N, C-alpha and C. Protein backbone atom coordinates (compact mmCIF):
# COMPACT_ATOMS: atom_id res chain seq x y z
N MET A 1 168.18 191.29 -13.95
CA MET A 1 167.22 190.87 -14.95
C MET A 1 166.65 189.49 -14.62
N ARG A 2 167.27 188.79 -13.70
CA ARG A 2 166.81 187.49 -13.23
C ARG A 2 166.75 186.43 -14.33
N LEU A 3 167.65 186.55 -15.33
CA LEU A 3 167.70 185.56 -16.40
C LEU A 3 168.26 184.23 -15.90
N LEU A 4 169.17 184.30 -14.93
CA LEU A 4 169.82 183.12 -14.40
C LEU A 4 169.41 182.90 -12.96
N SER A 5 169.33 181.64 -12.57
CA SER A 5 169.09 181.31 -11.16
C SER A 5 170.30 181.72 -10.34
N ASP A 6 170.12 181.74 -9.04
CA ASP A 6 171.25 182.07 -8.16
C ASP A 6 172.41 181.09 -8.36
N GLU A 7 172.08 179.80 -8.54
CA GLU A 7 173.12 178.80 -8.75
C GLU A 7 173.87 179.05 -10.06
N ALA A 8 173.13 179.37 -11.13
CA ALA A 8 173.77 179.64 -12.42
C ALA A 8 174.62 180.91 -12.35
N TYR A 9 174.16 181.91 -11.62
CA TYR A 9 174.94 183.13 -11.47
C TYR A 9 176.24 182.85 -10.72
N LYS A 10 176.17 182.03 -9.67
CA LYS A 10 177.38 181.66 -8.94
C LYS A 10 178.35 180.89 -9.84
N ASP A 11 177.81 179.98 -10.64
CA ASP A 11 178.66 179.23 -11.57
C ASP A 11 179.29 180.16 -12.60
N LEU A 12 178.52 181.11 -13.13
CA LEU A 12 179.05 182.04 -14.13
C LEU A 12 180.16 182.90 -13.53
N THR A 13 179.97 183.34 -12.31
CA THR A 13 181.00 184.12 -11.62
C THR A 13 182.25 183.28 -11.41
N ASN A 14 182.07 182.02 -11.06
CA ASN A 14 183.19 181.11 -10.87
C ASN A 14 183.92 180.88 -12.19
N VAL A 15 183.18 180.72 -13.30
CA VAL A 15 183.80 180.57 -14.62
C VAL A 15 184.66 181.79 -14.93
N LYS A 16 184.10 182.98 -14.67
CA LYS A 16 184.83 184.23 -14.93
C LYS A 16 186.12 184.29 -14.11
N ASN A 17 186.04 183.97 -12.84
CA ASN A 17 187.21 184.05 -11.97
C ASN A 17 188.29 183.04 -12.37
N ILE A 18 187.88 181.84 -12.72
CA ILE A 18 188.85 180.83 -13.16
C ILE A 18 189.50 181.27 -14.46
N ARG A 19 188.69 181.77 -15.40
CA ARG A 19 189.22 182.26 -16.68
C ARG A 19 190.25 183.36 -16.45
N ASN A 20 189.93 184.29 -15.56
CA ASN A 20 190.86 185.39 -15.28
C ASN A 20 192.17 184.87 -14.67
N ASP A 21 192.07 183.92 -13.76
CA ASP A 21 193.29 183.35 -13.18
C ASP A 21 194.13 182.65 -14.23
N LEU A 22 193.50 181.87 -15.11
CA LEU A 22 194.25 181.18 -16.15
C LEU A 22 194.88 182.15 -17.14
N ALA A 23 194.24 183.29 -17.37
CA ALA A 23 194.74 184.25 -18.34
C ALA A 23 195.80 185.19 -17.77
N HIS A 24 195.75 185.47 -16.47
CA HIS A 24 196.59 186.53 -15.92
C HIS A 24 197.62 186.10 -14.88
N LYS A 25 197.50 184.90 -14.35
CA LYS A 25 198.47 184.44 -13.36
C LYS A 25 199.37 183.40 -13.99
N LEU A 26 200.65 183.70 -14.05
CA LEU A 26 201.60 182.82 -14.74
C LEU A 26 201.71 181.45 -14.09
N ASP A 27 201.51 181.35 -12.79
CA ASP A 27 201.62 180.06 -12.13
C ASP A 27 200.32 179.25 -12.21
N HIS A 28 199.27 179.83 -12.75
CA HIS A 28 198.00 179.13 -12.94
C HIS A 28 197.89 178.75 -14.42
N ASP A 29 198.57 177.66 -14.79
CA ASP A 29 198.67 177.32 -16.20
C ASP A 29 197.92 176.05 -16.61
N SER A 30 197.15 175.47 -15.69
CA SER A 30 196.36 174.30 -16.04
C SER A 30 195.23 174.13 -15.03
N PHE A 31 194.33 173.22 -15.35
CA PHE A 31 193.23 172.93 -14.45
C PHE A 31 193.67 172.04 -13.29
N ASP A 32 194.93 171.61 -13.29
CA ASP A 32 195.46 170.80 -12.21
C ASP A 32 196.04 171.62 -11.06
N VAL A 33 196.10 172.95 -11.23
CA VAL A 33 196.52 173.82 -10.14
C VAL A 33 195.48 173.67 -9.03
N PRO A 34 195.90 173.40 -7.79
CA PRO A 34 194.94 173.12 -6.73
C PRO A 34 193.80 174.14 -6.58
N SER A 35 194.08 175.42 -6.64
CA SER A 35 193.01 176.40 -6.45
C SER A 35 192.00 176.35 -7.60
N ILE A 36 192.46 176.10 -8.81
CA ILE A 36 191.56 175.99 -9.98
C ILE A 36 190.76 174.69 -9.86
N ARG A 37 191.45 173.59 -9.60
CA ARG A 37 190.79 172.29 -9.48
C ARG A 37 189.70 172.32 -8.40
N ASP A 38 190.01 172.93 -7.27
CA ASP A 38 189.05 172.98 -6.17
C ASP A 38 187.82 173.83 -6.52
N ARG A 39 188.04 174.94 -7.24
CA ARG A 39 186.90 175.77 -7.63
C ARG A 39 186.03 175.07 -8.67
N CYS A 40 186.64 174.25 -9.50
CA CYS A 40 185.85 173.50 -10.50
C CYS A 40 184.93 172.47 -9.83
N LYS A 41 185.32 172.00 -8.64
CA LYS A 41 184.47 171.06 -7.90
C LYS A 41 183.19 171.73 -7.41
N ASN A 42 183.18 173.07 -7.35
CA ASN A 42 182.03 173.79 -6.80
C ASN A 42 180.93 174.09 -7.82
N PHE A 43 181.13 173.74 -9.09
CA PHE A 43 180.09 174.00 -10.08
C PHE A 43 178.84 173.20 -9.75
N ILE A 44 177.70 173.84 -9.87
CA ILE A 44 176.42 173.23 -9.53
C ILE A 44 175.71 172.69 -10.77
N LEU A 45 175.67 173.48 -11.85
CA LEU A 45 174.89 173.11 -13.02
C LEU A 45 175.35 171.81 -13.65
N VAL A 46 176.64 171.59 -13.72
CA VAL A 46 177.16 170.38 -14.36
C VAL A 46 176.71 169.14 -13.58
N ASP A 47 176.62 169.22 -12.28
CA ASP A 47 176.14 168.09 -11.49
C ASP A 47 174.66 167.84 -11.71
N ARG A 48 173.93 168.86 -12.00
CA ARG A 48 172.48 168.77 -12.21
C ARG A 48 172.12 168.29 -13.62
N HIS A 49 172.95 168.63 -14.61
CA HIS A 49 172.58 168.39 -16.01
C HIS A 49 173.41 167.34 -16.73
N VAL A 50 174.35 166.72 -16.05
CA VAL A 50 175.15 165.64 -16.65
C VAL A 50 175.04 164.43 -15.73
N GLY A 51 174.78 163.27 -16.33
CA GLY A 51 174.65 162.06 -15.53
C GLY A 51 174.65 160.83 -16.40
N PRO A 52 174.08 159.74 -15.87
CA PRO A 52 174.08 158.49 -16.63
C PRO A 52 173.13 158.57 -17.82
N ILE A 53 173.36 157.70 -18.79
CA ILE A 53 172.45 157.60 -19.92
C ILE A 53 171.09 157.13 -19.39
N PRO A 54 170.02 157.82 -19.75
CA PRO A 54 168.70 157.47 -19.20
C PRO A 54 168.27 156.03 -19.49
N ASN A 55 168.56 155.50 -20.67
CA ASN A 55 168.19 154.14 -21.02
C ASN A 55 169.46 153.33 -21.16
N ALA A 56 169.76 152.50 -20.18
CA ALA A 56 171.03 151.78 -20.15
C ALA A 56 171.21 150.84 -21.33
N GLY A 57 170.16 150.51 -22.07
CA GLY A 57 170.27 149.62 -23.21
C GLY A 57 170.79 150.28 -24.47
N LEU A 58 170.98 151.57 -24.45
CA LEU A 58 171.46 152.27 -25.64
C LEU A 58 172.93 152.00 -25.88
N ASP A 59 173.30 151.90 -27.15
CA ASP A 59 174.69 151.67 -27.51
C ASP A 59 175.43 152.96 -27.83
N ALA A 60 174.75 154.10 -27.81
CA ALA A 60 175.36 155.37 -28.18
C ALA A 60 176.40 155.76 -27.14
N THR A 61 177.38 156.53 -27.60
CA THR A 61 178.40 157.00 -26.66
C THR A 61 177.87 158.13 -25.80
N HIS A 62 176.86 158.80 -26.27
CA HIS A 62 176.22 159.82 -25.43
C HIS A 62 174.81 160.08 -25.94
N VAL A 63 173.98 160.56 -25.07
CA VAL A 63 172.62 160.94 -25.41
C VAL A 63 172.42 162.35 -24.90
N ALA A 64 172.02 163.22 -25.77
CA ALA A 64 171.76 164.60 -25.37
C ALA A 64 170.29 164.89 -25.55
N ALA A 65 169.63 165.25 -24.50
CA ALA A 65 168.25 165.70 -24.56
C ALA A 65 168.27 167.19 -24.32
N ALA A 66 168.82 167.92 -25.26
CA ALA A 66 169.01 169.37 -25.09
C ALA A 66 167.82 170.11 -25.66
N SER A 67 166.73 170.05 -24.93
CA SER A 67 165.56 170.81 -25.35
C SER A 67 164.88 171.37 -24.11
N GLY A 68 164.31 172.53 -24.28
CA GLY A 68 163.63 173.15 -23.16
C GLY A 68 164.59 173.73 -22.15
N PRO A 69 164.07 174.08 -20.99
CA PRO A 69 164.88 174.78 -19.98
C PRO A 69 165.83 173.87 -19.20
N ASN A 70 165.66 172.56 -19.32
CA ASN A 70 166.48 171.65 -18.53
C ASN A 70 167.21 170.66 -19.42
N PRO A 71 168.28 171.10 -20.09
CA PRO A 71 169.02 170.16 -20.93
C PRO A 71 169.69 169.09 -20.07
N TYR A 72 169.87 167.91 -20.64
CA TYR A 72 170.50 166.81 -19.94
C TYR A 72 171.45 166.11 -20.88
N LEU A 73 172.63 165.81 -20.41
CA LEU A 73 173.61 165.07 -21.19
C LEU A 73 173.91 163.77 -20.47
N GLY A 74 173.53 162.67 -21.09
CA GLY A 74 173.79 161.35 -20.52
C GLY A 74 175.06 160.78 -21.12
N LEU A 75 175.97 160.37 -20.27
CA LEU A 75 177.26 159.82 -20.72
C LEU A 75 177.52 158.50 -20.01
N PRO A 76 178.06 157.50 -20.73
CA PRO A 76 178.37 156.23 -20.07
C PRO A 76 179.47 156.38 -19.01
N ASP A 77 180.38 157.32 -19.23
CA ASP A 77 181.49 157.52 -18.30
C ASP A 77 181.34 158.83 -17.53
N TYR A 78 180.10 159.17 -17.19
CA TYR A 78 179.82 160.47 -16.58
C TYR A 78 180.58 160.68 -15.27
N GLN A 79 180.78 159.64 -14.47
CA GLN A 79 181.48 159.82 -13.19
C GLN A 79 182.94 160.22 -13.43
N GLN A 80 183.57 159.61 -14.41
CA GLN A 80 184.95 159.98 -14.76
C GLN A 80 184.99 161.41 -15.29
N LYS A 81 184.04 161.75 -16.17
CA LYS A 81 183.99 163.09 -16.74
C LYS A 81 183.78 164.13 -15.65
N LEU A 82 182.86 163.87 -14.72
CA LEU A 82 182.56 164.84 -13.67
C LEU A 82 183.71 165.01 -12.68
N SER A 83 184.66 164.10 -12.69
CA SER A 83 185.82 164.26 -11.80
C SER A 83 186.93 165.07 -12.47
N ASP A 84 186.77 165.38 -13.77
CA ASP A 84 187.77 166.13 -14.51
C ASP A 84 187.46 167.63 -14.42
N PRO A 85 188.35 168.44 -13.80
CA PRO A 85 188.06 169.86 -13.63
C PRO A 85 187.85 170.61 -14.95
N ARG A 86 188.62 170.25 -15.96
CA ARG A 86 188.46 170.93 -17.25
C ARG A 86 187.10 170.63 -17.86
N PHE A 87 186.63 169.39 -17.79
CA PHE A 87 185.29 169.04 -18.29
C PHE A 87 184.23 169.82 -17.53
N ARG A 88 184.36 169.88 -16.20
CA ARG A 88 183.36 170.59 -15.39
C ARG A 88 183.29 172.07 -15.79
N TYR A 89 184.46 172.66 -16.04
CA TYR A 89 184.52 174.07 -16.43
C TYR A 89 183.86 174.29 -17.80
N THR A 90 184.29 173.52 -18.79
CA THR A 90 183.78 173.73 -20.14
C THR A 90 182.30 173.38 -20.24
N MET A 91 181.86 172.33 -19.57
CA MET A 91 180.45 171.95 -19.64
C MET A 91 179.58 172.99 -18.94
N THR A 92 180.05 173.56 -17.84
CA THR A 92 179.29 174.62 -17.18
C THR A 92 179.13 175.82 -18.10
N ALA A 93 180.22 176.22 -18.75
CA ALA A 93 180.15 177.34 -19.69
C ALA A 93 179.18 177.03 -20.83
N GLN A 94 179.19 175.80 -21.33
CA GLN A 94 178.30 175.41 -22.41
C GLN A 94 176.84 175.41 -21.96
N LEU A 95 176.58 174.94 -20.75
CA LEU A 95 175.20 174.94 -20.24
C LEU A 95 174.65 176.35 -20.11
N ILE A 96 175.46 177.26 -19.61
CA ILE A 96 175.02 178.65 -19.48
C ILE A 96 174.81 179.27 -20.86
N SER A 97 175.72 179.01 -21.77
CA SER A 97 175.59 179.53 -23.12
C SER A 97 174.34 178.98 -23.80
N TYR A 98 174.09 177.69 -23.63
CA TYR A 98 172.89 177.07 -24.20
C TYR A 98 171.63 177.74 -23.66
N ALA A 99 171.58 177.93 -22.35
CA ALA A 99 170.39 178.53 -21.73
C ALA A 99 170.17 179.95 -22.23
N LEU A 100 171.23 180.73 -22.33
CA LEU A 100 171.08 182.10 -22.83
C LEU A 100 170.64 182.11 -24.29
N GLY A 101 171.15 181.16 -25.09
CA GLY A 101 170.72 181.05 -26.47
C GLY A 101 169.26 180.67 -26.60
N GLU A 102 168.83 179.72 -25.78
CA GLU A 102 167.42 179.33 -25.77
C GLU A 102 166.54 180.50 -25.35
N GLY A 103 167.01 181.28 -24.38
CA GLY A 103 166.26 182.44 -23.93
C GLY A 103 166.12 183.50 -25.01
N SER A 104 167.15 183.64 -25.83
CA SER A 104 167.06 184.63 -26.91
C SER A 104 166.12 184.15 -28.01
N GLU A 105 165.99 182.85 -28.17
CA GLU A 105 165.07 182.30 -29.15
C GLU A 105 163.61 182.39 -28.67
N ASN A 106 163.41 182.40 -27.38
CA ASN A 106 162.07 182.43 -26.81
C ASN A 106 162.01 183.48 -25.69
N PRO A 107 162.00 184.76 -26.04
CA PRO A 107 162.09 185.81 -25.02
C PRO A 107 160.89 185.85 -24.07
N ALA A 108 159.78 185.25 -24.45
CA ALA A 108 158.61 185.24 -23.57
C ALA A 108 158.59 183.98 -22.69
N GLY A 109 159.64 183.16 -22.77
CA GLY A 109 159.70 181.93 -21.99
C GLY A 109 159.88 182.18 -20.51
N PRO A 110 159.83 181.09 -19.74
CA PRO A 110 159.95 181.22 -18.28
C PRO A 110 161.35 181.60 -17.85
N LEU A 111 161.42 182.30 -16.73
CA LEU A 111 162.70 182.68 -16.11
C LEU A 111 162.78 182.03 -14.74
N PRO A 112 163.94 181.74 -14.23
CA PRO A 112 165.25 181.89 -14.83
C PRO A 112 165.46 180.84 -15.92
N LEU A 113 166.39 181.12 -16.82
CA LEU A 113 166.65 180.24 -17.95
C LEU A 113 167.28 178.92 -17.51
N VAL A 114 168.15 179.00 -16.54
CA VAL A 114 168.82 177.83 -15.99
C VAL A 114 169.16 178.08 -14.53
């Protein structure tokens, strides 16, 4: 259906595989397991959509410009967050979910959604 870009599809497949490992392999019980941690480093969308706060003068703990096809989350500690495998996993899942939700709200919008 081409709703997702190739990168988003790869990320979604990676989310599925990590989820299955965490649910079905007894020795895979955290995001600190090397195989899980390493796969979380491969997410593409989180690197594209999470970064520094656009206006460094802001005092907010985060700025979310979640509108349109390219949501962006600015965080003061984005480098620390992006090094955390669990954050990378959950944020990737949220980005894909957001894009699919936006697509359902605007079915005539441009594809791919993300």
